[in-house]
Amino acid sequence: MTQTQVHLSEVIYNGATQSFEALATVSTQTDTKTYPCSIEAPMSMSFERAAKGLETQALRKSASGKGMYSQMRHHMATVRAGRPRFDPRAWLAQLGFGSIDKAA
């Protein structure tokens, strides 16, 4: 069984649409996705009920695999094949600036 965690960003009330809104980040053991969530409700609804509704909506979106989401992938930099590492001191010496160690 996979362990799923939901983290909500700052929950706001949008008076124009009369809804609670937040970005919900759903983390599983394999990936992390962020969904925009919104539930229509009166301003008098308690924060706890609104947050629970937003979490439920995020879990439904995650389970269905449909809809818009954001995902950050960790990129591992590859080694540049065949090129030596850039050495700024050697480059400056080639330009005629001499030794940098004696600079003020």
C-alpha atoms as a PDB file:
ATOM      1  CA  MET A   1       0.000   0.000   0.000  1.00  0.00           C
ATOM      2  CA  THR A   2       1.363   3.397  -0.941  1.00  0.00           C
ATOM      3  CA  GLN A   3       1.667   6.175   1.592  1.00  0.00           C
ATOM      4  CA  THR A   4       0.047   9.353   0.245  1.00  0.00           C
ATOM      5  CA  GLN A   5       0.466  12.755   1.856  1.00  0.00           C
ATOM      6  CA  VAL A   6      -1.343  15.969   0.933  1.00  0.00           C
ATOM      7  CA  HIS A   7       0.067  19.406   1.720  1.00  0.00           C
ATOM      8  CA  LEU A   8      -2.007  22.526   1.067  1.00  0.00           C
ATOM      9  CA  SER A   9      -0.539  25.923   0.267  1.00  0.00           C
ATOM     10  CA  GLU A  10      -2.155  29.000   1.776  1.00  0.00           C
ATOM     11  CA  VAL A  11      -5.912  28.490   1.556  1.00  0.00           C
ATOM     12  CA  ILE A  12      -7.682  31.632   0.359  1.00  0.00           C
ATOM     13  CA  TYR A  13     -11.290  32.590  -0.136  1.00  0.00           C
ATOM     14  CA  ASN A  14     -12.045  34.039  -3.574  1.00  0.00           C
ATOM     15  CA  GLY A  15     -15.042  36.326  -3.169  1.00  0.00           C
ATOM     16  CA  ALA A  16     -15.535  36.705  -6.918  1.00  0.00           C
ATOM     17  CA  THR A  17     -16.152  32.978  -7.422  1.00  0.00           C
ATOM     18  CA  GLN A  18     -17.315  32.340  -3.849  1.00  0.00           C
ATOM     19  CA  SER A  19     -14.910  29.464  -3.416  1.00  0.00           C
ATOM     20  CA  PHE A  20     -11.959  28.333  -1.316  1.00  0.00           C
ATOM     21  CA  GLU A  21      -8.766  27.849  -3.333  1.00  0.00           C
ATOM     22  CA  ALA A  22      -5.334  26.345  -2.741  1.00  0.00           C
ATOM     23  CA  LEU A  23      -2.510  24.492  -4.411  1.00  0.00           C
ATOM     24  CA  ALA A  24      -2.434  20.921  -3.121  1.00  0.00           C
ATOM     25  CA  THR A  25       0.796  18.936  -3.303  1.00  0.00           C
ATOM     26  CA  VAL A  26       0.183  15.176  -3.346  1.00  0.00           C
ATOM     27  CA  SER A  27       3.267  13.130  -2.457  1.00  0.00           C
ATOM     28  CA  THR A  28       3.511   9.393  -2.983  1.00  0.00           C
ATOM     29  CA  GLN A  29       6.510   7.115  -2.716  1.00  0.00           C
ATOM     30  CA  THR A  30       7.238   7.519  -6.428  1.00  0.00           C
ATOM     31  CA  ASP A  31       6.417  11.140  -7.296  1.00  0.00           C
ATOM     32  CA  THR A  32       5.115  14.529  -6.191  1.00  0.00           C
ATOM     33  CA  LYS A  33       2.482  16.478  -8.111  1.00  0.00           C
ATOM     34  CA  THR A  34       0.805  19.809  -7.377  1.00  0.00           C
ATOM     35  CA  TYR A  35      -2.854  20.370  -8.310  1.00  0.00           C
ATOM     36  CA  PRO A  36      -4.883  23.592  -8.306  1.00  0.00           C
ATOM     37  CA  CYS A  37      -7.971  22.936  -6.181  1.00  0.00           C
ATOM     38  CA  SER A  38     -11.133  24.947  -5.631  1.00  0.00           C
ATOM     39  CA  ILE A  39     -14.399  24.204  -3.856  1.00  0.00           C
ATOM     40  CA  GLU A  40     -17.484  26.394  -3.999  1.00  0.00           C
ATOM     41  CA  ALA A  41     -18.657  27.196  -0.490  1.00  0.00           C
ATOM     42  CA  PRO A  42     -19.955  30.109   1.550  1.00  0.00           C
ATOM     43  CA  MET A  43     -17.477  32.278   3.421  1.00  0.00           C
ATOM     44  CA  SER A  44     -18.997  31.056   6.699  1.00  0.00           C
ATOM     45  CA  MET A  45     -17.682  27.492   6.163  1.00  0.00           C
ATOM     46  CA  SER A  46     -15.070  26.538   8.741  1.00  0.00           C
ATOM     47  CA  PHE A  47     -11.441  26.401   7.663  1.00  0.00           C
ATOM     48  CA  GLU A  48     -11.155  22.737   8.681  1.00  0.00           C
ATOM     49  CA  ARG A  49     -14.067  21.684   6.445  1.00  0.00           C
ATOM     50  CA  ALA A  50     -12.732  23.726   3.530  1.00  0.00           C
ATOM     51  CA  ALA A  51      -9.242  22.237   3.910  1.00  0.00           C
ATOM     52  CA  LYS A  52     -10.687  18.709   4.090  1.00  0.00           C
ATOM     53  CA  GLY A  53     -12.676  19.353   0.897  1.00  0.00           C
ATOM     54  CA  LEU A  54      -9.582  20.638  -0.905  1.00  0.00           C
ATOM     55  CA  GLU A  55      -7.573  17.589   0.217  1.00  0.00           C
ATOM     56  CA  THR A  56     -10.304  15.246  -1.007  1.00  0.00           C
ATOM     57  CA  GLN A  57     -10.386  16.991  -4.379  1.00  0.00           C
ATOM     58  CA  ALA A  58      -6.590  16.723  -4.698  1.00  0.00           C
ATOM     59  CA  LEU A  59      -6.653  13.003  -3.899  1.00  0.00           C
ATOM     60  CA  ARG A  60      -9.392  12.440  -6.498  1.00  0.00           C
ATOM     61  CA  LYS A  61      -7.393  14.316  -9.143  1.00  0.00           C
ATOM     62  CA  SER A  62      -4.289  12.326  -8.248  1.00  0.00           C
ATOM     63  CA  ALA A  63      -6.114   8.984  -8.397  1.00  0.00           C
ATOM     64  CA  SER A  64      -7.730   9.733 -11.760  1.00  0.00           C
ATOM     65  CA  GLY A  65      -4.466  10.850 -13.358  1.00  0.00           C
ATOM     66  CA  LYS A  66      -6.373  13.436 -15.378  1.00  0.00           C
ATOM     67  CA  GLY A  67      -6.402  17.177 -15.236  1.00  0.00           C
ATOM     68  CA  MET A  68      -3.763  19.838 -14.929  1.00  0.00           C
ATOM     69  CA  TYR A  69      -0.853  19.425 -12.525  1.00  0.00           C
ATOM     70  CA  SER A  70       2.673  20.651 -11.961  1.00  0.00           C
ATOM     71  CA  GLN A  71       5.616  18.354 -11.429  1.00  0.00           C
ATOM     72  CA  MET A  72       9.245  19.126 -10.611  1.00  0.00           C
ATOM     73  CA  ARG A  73      11.770  16.593 -11.828  1.00  0.00           C
ATOM     74  CA  HIS A  74      15.267  16.507 -10.424  1.00  0.00           C
ATOM     75  CA  HIS A  75      17.797  16.901 -13.202  1.00  0.00           C
ATOM     76  CA  MET A  76      21.189  15.279 -12.850  1.00  0.00           C
ATOM     77  CA  ALA A  77      23.827  17.231 -14.748  1.00  0.00           C
ATOM     78  CA  THR A  78      25.770  15.109 -17.187  1.00  0.00           C
ATOM     79  CA  VAL A  79      29.515  15.339 -17.519  1.00  0.00           C
ATOM     80  CA  ARG A  80      30.595  17.085 -20.668  1.00  0.00           C
ATOM     81  CA  ALA A  81      32.465  14.417 -22.579  1.00  0.00           C
ATOM     82  CA  GLY A  82      35.900  15.267 -23.963  1.00  0.00           C
ATOM     83  CA  ARG A  83      36.153  18.762 -22.502  1.00  0.00           C
ATOM     84  CA  PRO A  84      38.430  19.710 -19.648  1.00  0.00           C
ATOM     85  CA  ARG A  85      37.043  21.706 -16.793  1.00  0.00           C
ATOM     86  CA  PHE A  86      37.250  25.486 -17.271  1.00  0.00           C
ATOM     87  CA  ASP A  87      40.071  27.059 -15.284  1.00  0.00           C
ATOM     88  CA  PRO A  88      39.660  30.855 -15.087  1.00  0.00           C
ATOM     89  CA  ARG A  89      43.209  31.388 -13.756  1.00  0.00           C
ATOM     90  CA  ALA A  90      44.793  29.586 -16.694  1.00  0.00           C
ATOM     91  CA  TRP A  91      42.540  31.505 -19.082  1.00  0.00           C
ATOM     92  CA  LEU A  92      43.584  34.854 -17.586  1.00  0.00           C
ATOM     93  CA  ALA A  93      47.245  33.813 -17.734  1.00  0.00           C
ATOM     94  CA  GLN A  94      46.808  33.073 -21.455  1.00  0.00           C
ATOM     95  CA  LEU A  95      45.413  36.578 -21.929  1.00  0.00           C
ATOM     96  CA  GLY A  96      48.567  38.043 -20.361  1.00  0.00           C
ATOM     97  CA  PHE A  97      47.274  39.034 -16.964  1.00  0.00           C
ATOM     98  CA  GLY A  98      49.949  36.998 -15.192  1.00  0.00           C
ATOM     99  CA  SER A  99      49.525  35.635 -11.689  1.00  0.00           C
ATOM    100  CA  ILE A 100      46.242  36.403  -9.928  1.00  0.00           C
ATOM    101  CA  ASP A 101      47.703  35.492  -6.510  1.00  0.00           C
ATOM    102  CA  LYS A 102      49.468  38.875  -6.324  1.00  0.00           C
ATOM    103  CA  ALA A 103      46.284  40.877  -6.912  1.00  0.00           C
ATOM    104  CA  ALA A 104      45.142  43.249  -4.191  1.00  0.00           C
END
